[in-house]
Amino acid sequence: SGCREVYGNYMVSLDDYFQLTSEHLEEELEEYCDYCKSCNYFYKYFNAQCEYFDECNSYGNVCNQNDDGDDVEVKYEEYLECTAVEKSYY
């Protein structure tokens, strides 16, 4: 019963996991930014608050783009790559 019988084991490579996770986070951020943009528009021009108006407080900080309009791409997998380092003794 419960988790003892109905479960699955899944194995994916770490690269695939980070790729899928980063895609999901980017989509989630895009949805948040689109929602808050329209929410702020309706508040500004019609003085109407959307259902999750308070959730958009940090919209300006989170959703800002570079001056040229391109989003900054974060490559999470670069943080996990093996890197050769020199070992020094003091």
N, C-alpha and C. Protein backbone atom coordinates (compact mmCIF):
# COMPACT_ATOMS: atom_id res chain seq x y z
N SER A 1 0.83 -1.19 0.00
CA SER A 1 0.00 0.00 0.00
C SER A 1 0.88 1.25 0.00
N GLY A 2 0.34 2.32 -0.56
CA GLY A 2 1.06 3.58 -0.56
C GLY A 2 2.32 3.55 -1.40
N CYS A 3 3.37 4.13 -0.87
CA CYS A 3 4.63 4.26 -1.61
C CYS A 3 5.38 2.94 -1.76
N ARG A 4 5.03 1.95 -1.01
CA ARG A 4 5.74 0.68 -1.08
C ARG A 4 5.40 -0.11 -2.34
N GLU A 5 4.24 0.14 -2.91
CA GLU A 5 3.82 -0.63 -4.07
C GLU A 5 3.78 0.16 -5.37
N VAL A 6 3.38 1.40 -5.30
CA VAL A 6 3.19 2.18 -6.51
C VAL A 6 4.27 3.26 -6.57
N TYR A 7 5.37 2.94 -7.18
CA TYR A 7 6.46 3.90 -7.31
C TYR A 7 7.29 3.50 -8.51
N GLY A 8 8.18 4.37 -8.90
CA GLY A 8 9.07 4.06 -10.01
C GLY A 8 10.46 4.60 -9.74
N ASN A 9 11.42 3.92 -10.23
CA ASN A 9 12.79 4.40 -10.16
C ASN A 9 13.18 4.95 -11.52
N TYR A 10 13.72 6.14 -11.52
CA TYR A 10 14.10 6.78 -12.77
C TYR A 10 15.57 7.20 -12.68
N MET A 11 16.28 6.95 -13.74
CA MET A 11 17.68 7.35 -13.81
C MET A 11 17.88 8.17 -15.07
N VAL A 12 18.39 9.36 -14.91
CA VAL A 12 18.76 10.19 -16.06
C VAL A 12 20.15 10.74 -15.77
N SER A 13 20.84 11.07 -16.83
CA SER A 13 22.17 11.63 -16.63
C SER A 13 22.04 13.00 -15.98
N LEU A 14 23.08 13.42 -15.29
CA LEU A 14 23.07 14.71 -14.63
C LEU A 14 22.93 15.84 -15.65
N ASP A 15 23.55 15.69 -16.81
CA ASP A 15 23.41 16.69 -17.87
C ASP A 15 21.96 16.83 -18.31
N ASP A 16 21.29 15.68 -18.52
CA ASP A 16 19.88 15.71 -18.91
C ASP A 16 19.01 16.34 -17.82
N TYR A 17 19.31 15.99 -16.58
CA TYR A 17 18.55 16.53 -15.45
C TYR A 17 18.66 18.05 -15.41
N PHE A 18 19.90 18.56 -15.53
CA PHE A 18 20.07 20.01 -15.48
C PHE A 18 19.46 20.70 -16.70
N GLN A 19 19.53 20.08 -17.83
CA GLN A 19 18.91 20.65 -19.03
C GLN A 19 17.40 20.76 -18.85
N LEU A 20 16.78 19.68 -18.40
CA LEU A 20 15.33 19.68 -18.19
C LEU A 20 14.92 20.64 -17.08
N THR A 21 15.68 20.66 -16.00
CA THR A 21 15.38 21.55 -14.89
C THR A 21 15.52 23.01 -15.29
N SER A 22 16.58 23.35 -16.01
CA SER A 22 16.77 24.73 -16.43
C SER A 22 15.69 25.16 -17.42
N GLU A 23 15.28 24.27 -18.32
CA GLU A 23 14.19 24.60 -19.24
C GLU A 23 12.90 24.86 -18.48
N HIS A 24 12.63 24.02 -17.48
CA HIS A 24 11.42 24.21 -16.67
C HIS A 24 11.46 25.54 -15.92
N LEU A 25 12.59 25.87 -15.31
CA LEU A 25 12.72 27.11 -14.56
C LEU A 25 12.58 28.33 -15.48
N GLU A 26 13.14 28.24 -16.68
CA GLU A 26 13.02 29.33 -17.63
C GLU A 26 11.57 29.53 -18.06
N GLU A 27 10.85 28.44 -18.30
CA GLU A 27 9.44 28.54 -18.67
C GLU A 27 8.61 29.10 -17.52
N GLU A 28 8.92 28.67 -16.31
CA GLU A 28 8.21 29.16 -15.14
C GLU A 28 8.45 30.66 -14.95
N LEU A 29 9.68 31.09 -15.14
CA LEU A 29 10.01 32.51 -15.02
C LEU A 29 9.31 33.32 -16.10
N GLU A 30 9.28 32.81 -17.30
CA GLU A 30 8.61 33.51 -18.40
C GLU A 30 7.11 33.67 -18.11
N GLU A 31 6.48 32.63 -17.59
CA GLU A 31 5.06 32.70 -17.23
C GLU A 31 4.83 33.72 -16.12
N TYR A 32 5.70 33.73 -15.13
CA TYR A 32 5.61 34.69 -14.03
C TYR A 32 5.73 36.11 -14.56
N CYS A 33 6.71 36.36 -15.40
CA CYS A 33 6.93 37.70 -15.93
C CYS A 33 5.77 38.16 -16.80
N ASP A 34 5.25 37.28 -17.63
CA ASP A 34 4.10 37.62 -18.48
C ASP A 34 2.88 37.94 -17.62
N TYR A 35 2.65 37.12 -16.60
CA TYR A 35 1.50 37.34 -15.72
C TYR A 35 1.62 38.68 -15.00
N CYS A 36 2.78 38.95 -14.42
CA CYS A 36 2.95 40.18 -13.66
C CYS A 36 2.94 41.41 -14.56
N LYS A 37 3.43 41.27 -15.78
CA LYS A 37 3.39 42.39 -16.71
C LYS A 37 1.94 42.79 -17.00
N SER A 38 1.09 41.81 -17.28
CA SER A 38 -0.31 42.13 -17.55
C SER A 38 -1.01 42.58 -16.26
N CYS A 39 -0.64 41.99 -15.15
CA CYS A 39 -1.23 42.37 -13.87
C CYS A 39 -0.92 43.83 -13.55
N ASN A 40 0.33 44.24 -13.74
CA ASN A 40 0.73 45.62 -13.49
C ASN A 40 0.07 46.58 -14.47
N TYR A 41 -0.11 46.13 -15.69
CA TYR A 41 -0.78 46.95 -16.70
C TYR A 41 -2.21 47.27 -16.27
N PHE A 42 -2.94 46.24 -15.86
CA PHE A 42 -4.33 46.45 -15.43
C PHE A 42 -4.41 47.29 -14.17
N TYR A 43 -3.44 47.15 -13.28
CA TYR A 43 -3.43 47.96 -12.07
C TYR A 43 -3.15 49.42 -12.41
N LYS A 44 -2.18 49.64 -13.30
CA LYS A 44 -1.77 51.00 -13.66
C LYS A 44 -2.87 51.75 -14.41
N TYR A 45 -3.48 51.10 -15.39
CA TYR A 45 -4.43 51.79 -16.25
C TYR A 45 -5.90 51.65 -15.84
N PHE A 46 -6.23 50.62 -15.08
CA PHE A 46 -7.63 50.39 -14.71
C PHE A 46 -7.85 50.29 -13.21
N ASN A 47 -6.76 50.45 -12.44
CA ASN A 47 -6.80 50.36 -10.99
C ASN A 47 -7.46 49.05 -10.54
N ALA A 48 -7.18 47.99 -11.27
CA ALA A 48 -7.73 46.66 -10.96
C ALA A 48 -6.59 45.74 -10.55
N GLN A 49 -6.79 45.01 -9.48
CA GLN A 49 -5.76 44.07 -9.02
C GLN A 49 -6.11 42.66 -9.46
N CYS A 50 -5.11 41.96 -9.96
CA CYS A 50 -5.31 40.57 -10.34
C CYS A 50 -5.27 39.69 -9.08
N GLU A 51 -5.58 38.44 -9.25
CA GLU A 51 -5.71 37.52 -8.11
C GLU A 51 -4.42 37.42 -7.29
N TYR A 52 -3.29 37.37 -7.96
CA TYR A 52 -2.00 37.20 -7.26
C TYR A 52 -1.17 38.48 -7.34
N PHE A 53 -1.81 39.62 -7.18
CA PHE A 53 -1.15 40.91 -7.30
C PHE A 53 0.05 41.03 -6.36
N ASP A 54 -0.10 40.58 -5.13
CA ASP A 54 0.98 40.69 -4.14
C ASP A 54 2.21 39.86 -4.51
N GLU A 55 2.02 38.82 -5.30
CA GLU A 55 3.14 37.97 -5.72
C GLU A 55 4.05 38.68 -6.72
N CYS A 56 3.58 39.78 -7.28
CA CYS A 56 4.33 40.50 -8.31
C CYS A 56 5.15 41.66 -7.75
N ASN A 57 5.33 41.72 -6.43
CA ASN A 57 6.10 42.81 -5.83
C ASN A 57 7.51 42.92 -6.37
N SER A 58 8.16 41.79 -6.61
CA SER A 58 9.55 41.81 -7.07
C SER A 58 9.66 41.66 -8.59
N TYR A 59 8.56 41.88 -9.28
CA TYR A 59 8.51 41.72 -10.73
C TYR A 59 9.63 42.50 -11.44
N GLY A 60 9.80 43.76 -11.08
CA GLY A 60 10.81 44.59 -11.74
C GLY A 60 12.22 44.08 -11.56
N ASN A 61 12.54 43.54 -10.40
CA ASN A 61 13.88 43.01 -10.14
C ASN A 61 14.10 41.67 -10.83
N VAL A 62 13.09 40.86 -10.87
CA VAL A 62 13.21 39.50 -11.39
C VAL A 62 13.17 39.47 -12.91
N CYS A 63 12.36 40.32 -13.50
CA CYS A 63 12.07 40.21 -14.92
C CYS A 63 12.78 41.23 -15.79
N ASN A 64 13.69 42.00 -15.24
CA ASN A 64 14.42 42.97 -16.06
C ASN A 64 15.28 42.26 -17.09
N GLN A 65 15.41 42.90 -18.23
CA GLN A 65 16.25 42.36 -19.30
C GLN A 65 17.45 43.28 -19.50
N ASN A 66 18.44 42.80 -20.24
CA ASN A 66 19.57 43.64 -20.60
C ASN A 66 19.09 44.79 -21.47
N ASP A 67 19.94 45.78 -21.64
CA ASP A 67 19.59 46.95 -22.45
C ASP A 67 19.22 46.58 -23.87
N ASP A 68 19.82 45.53 -24.41
CA ASP A 68 19.54 45.14 -25.79
C ASP A 68 18.31 44.24 -25.91
N GLY A 69 17.66 43.92 -24.78
CA GLY A 69 16.44 43.13 -24.81
C GLY A 69 16.66 41.63 -24.74
N ASP A 70 17.91 41.18 -24.70
CA ASP A 70 18.20 39.75 -24.62
C ASP A 70 18.25 39.31 -23.18
N ASP A 71 17.69 38.16 -22.91
CA ASP A 71 17.76 37.58 -21.58
C ASP A 71 19.15 37.05 -21.33
N VAL A 72 19.57 37.06 -20.08
CA VAL A 72 20.85 36.48 -19.70
C VAL A 72 20.65 34.98 -19.54
N GLU A 73 21.44 34.21 -20.26
CA GLU A 73 21.30 32.75 -20.19
C GLU A 73 22.25 32.20 -19.14
N VAL A 74 21.71 31.44 -18.21
CA VAL A 74 22.51 30.80 -17.17
C VAL A 74 22.70 29.35 -17.56
N LYS A 75 23.94 28.92 -17.61
CA LYS A 75 24.24 27.52 -17.95
C LYS A 75 24.64 26.80 -16.66
N TYR A 76 23.66 26.14 -16.06
CA TYR A 76 23.88 25.51 -14.77
C TYR A 76 24.91 24.39 -14.83
N GLU A 77 24.96 23.70 -15.96
CA GLU A 77 25.88 22.58 -16.06
C GLU A 77 27.34 23.01 -15.99
N GLU A 78 27.62 24.27 -16.30
CA GLU A 78 29.00 24.75 -16.22
C GLU A 78 29.52 24.77 -14.78
N TYR A 79 28.62 24.85 -13.83
CA TYR A 79 29.03 24.87 -12.44
C TYR A 79 29.46 23.50 -11.94
N LEU A 80 29.16 22.46 -12.71
CA LEU A 80 29.48 21.11 -12.26
C LEU A 80 30.55 20.42 -13.08
N GLU A 81 31.12 21.12 -14.04
CA GLU A 81 32.15 20.50 -14.86
C GLU A 81 33.43 20.31 -14.05
N CYS A 82 34.14 19.27 -14.36
CA CYS A 82 35.41 19.02 -13.70
C CYS A 82 36.43 20.04 -14.22
N THR A 83 37.23 20.55 -13.32
CA THR A 83 38.22 21.54 -13.67
C THR A 83 39.55 21.15 -13.05
N ALA A 84 40.60 21.21 -13.83
CA ALA A 84 41.93 20.92 -13.31
C ALA A 84 42.40 22.12 -12.48
N VAL A 85 42.95 21.82 -11.32
CA VAL A 85 43.49 22.88 -10.46
C VAL A 85 44.89 22.50 -10.05
N GLU A 86 45.68 23.52 -9.79
CA GLU A 86 47.03 23.27 -9.30
C GLU A 86 47.00 23.22 -7.79
N LYS A 87 47.63 22.22 -7.26
CA LYS A 87 47.68 22.08 -5.82
C LYS A 87 48.95 22.75 -5.32
N SER A 88 48.80 23.68 -4.41
CA SER A 88 49.97 24.36 -3.89
C SER A 88 50.04 24.16 -2.38
N TYR A 89 51.25 24.09 -1.90
CA TYR A 89 51.47 23.91 -0.47
C TYR A 89 52.08 25.16 0.09
N TYR A 90 51.70 25.49 1.30
CA TYR A 90 52.24 26.69 1.95
C TYR A 90 53.39 26.35 2.82
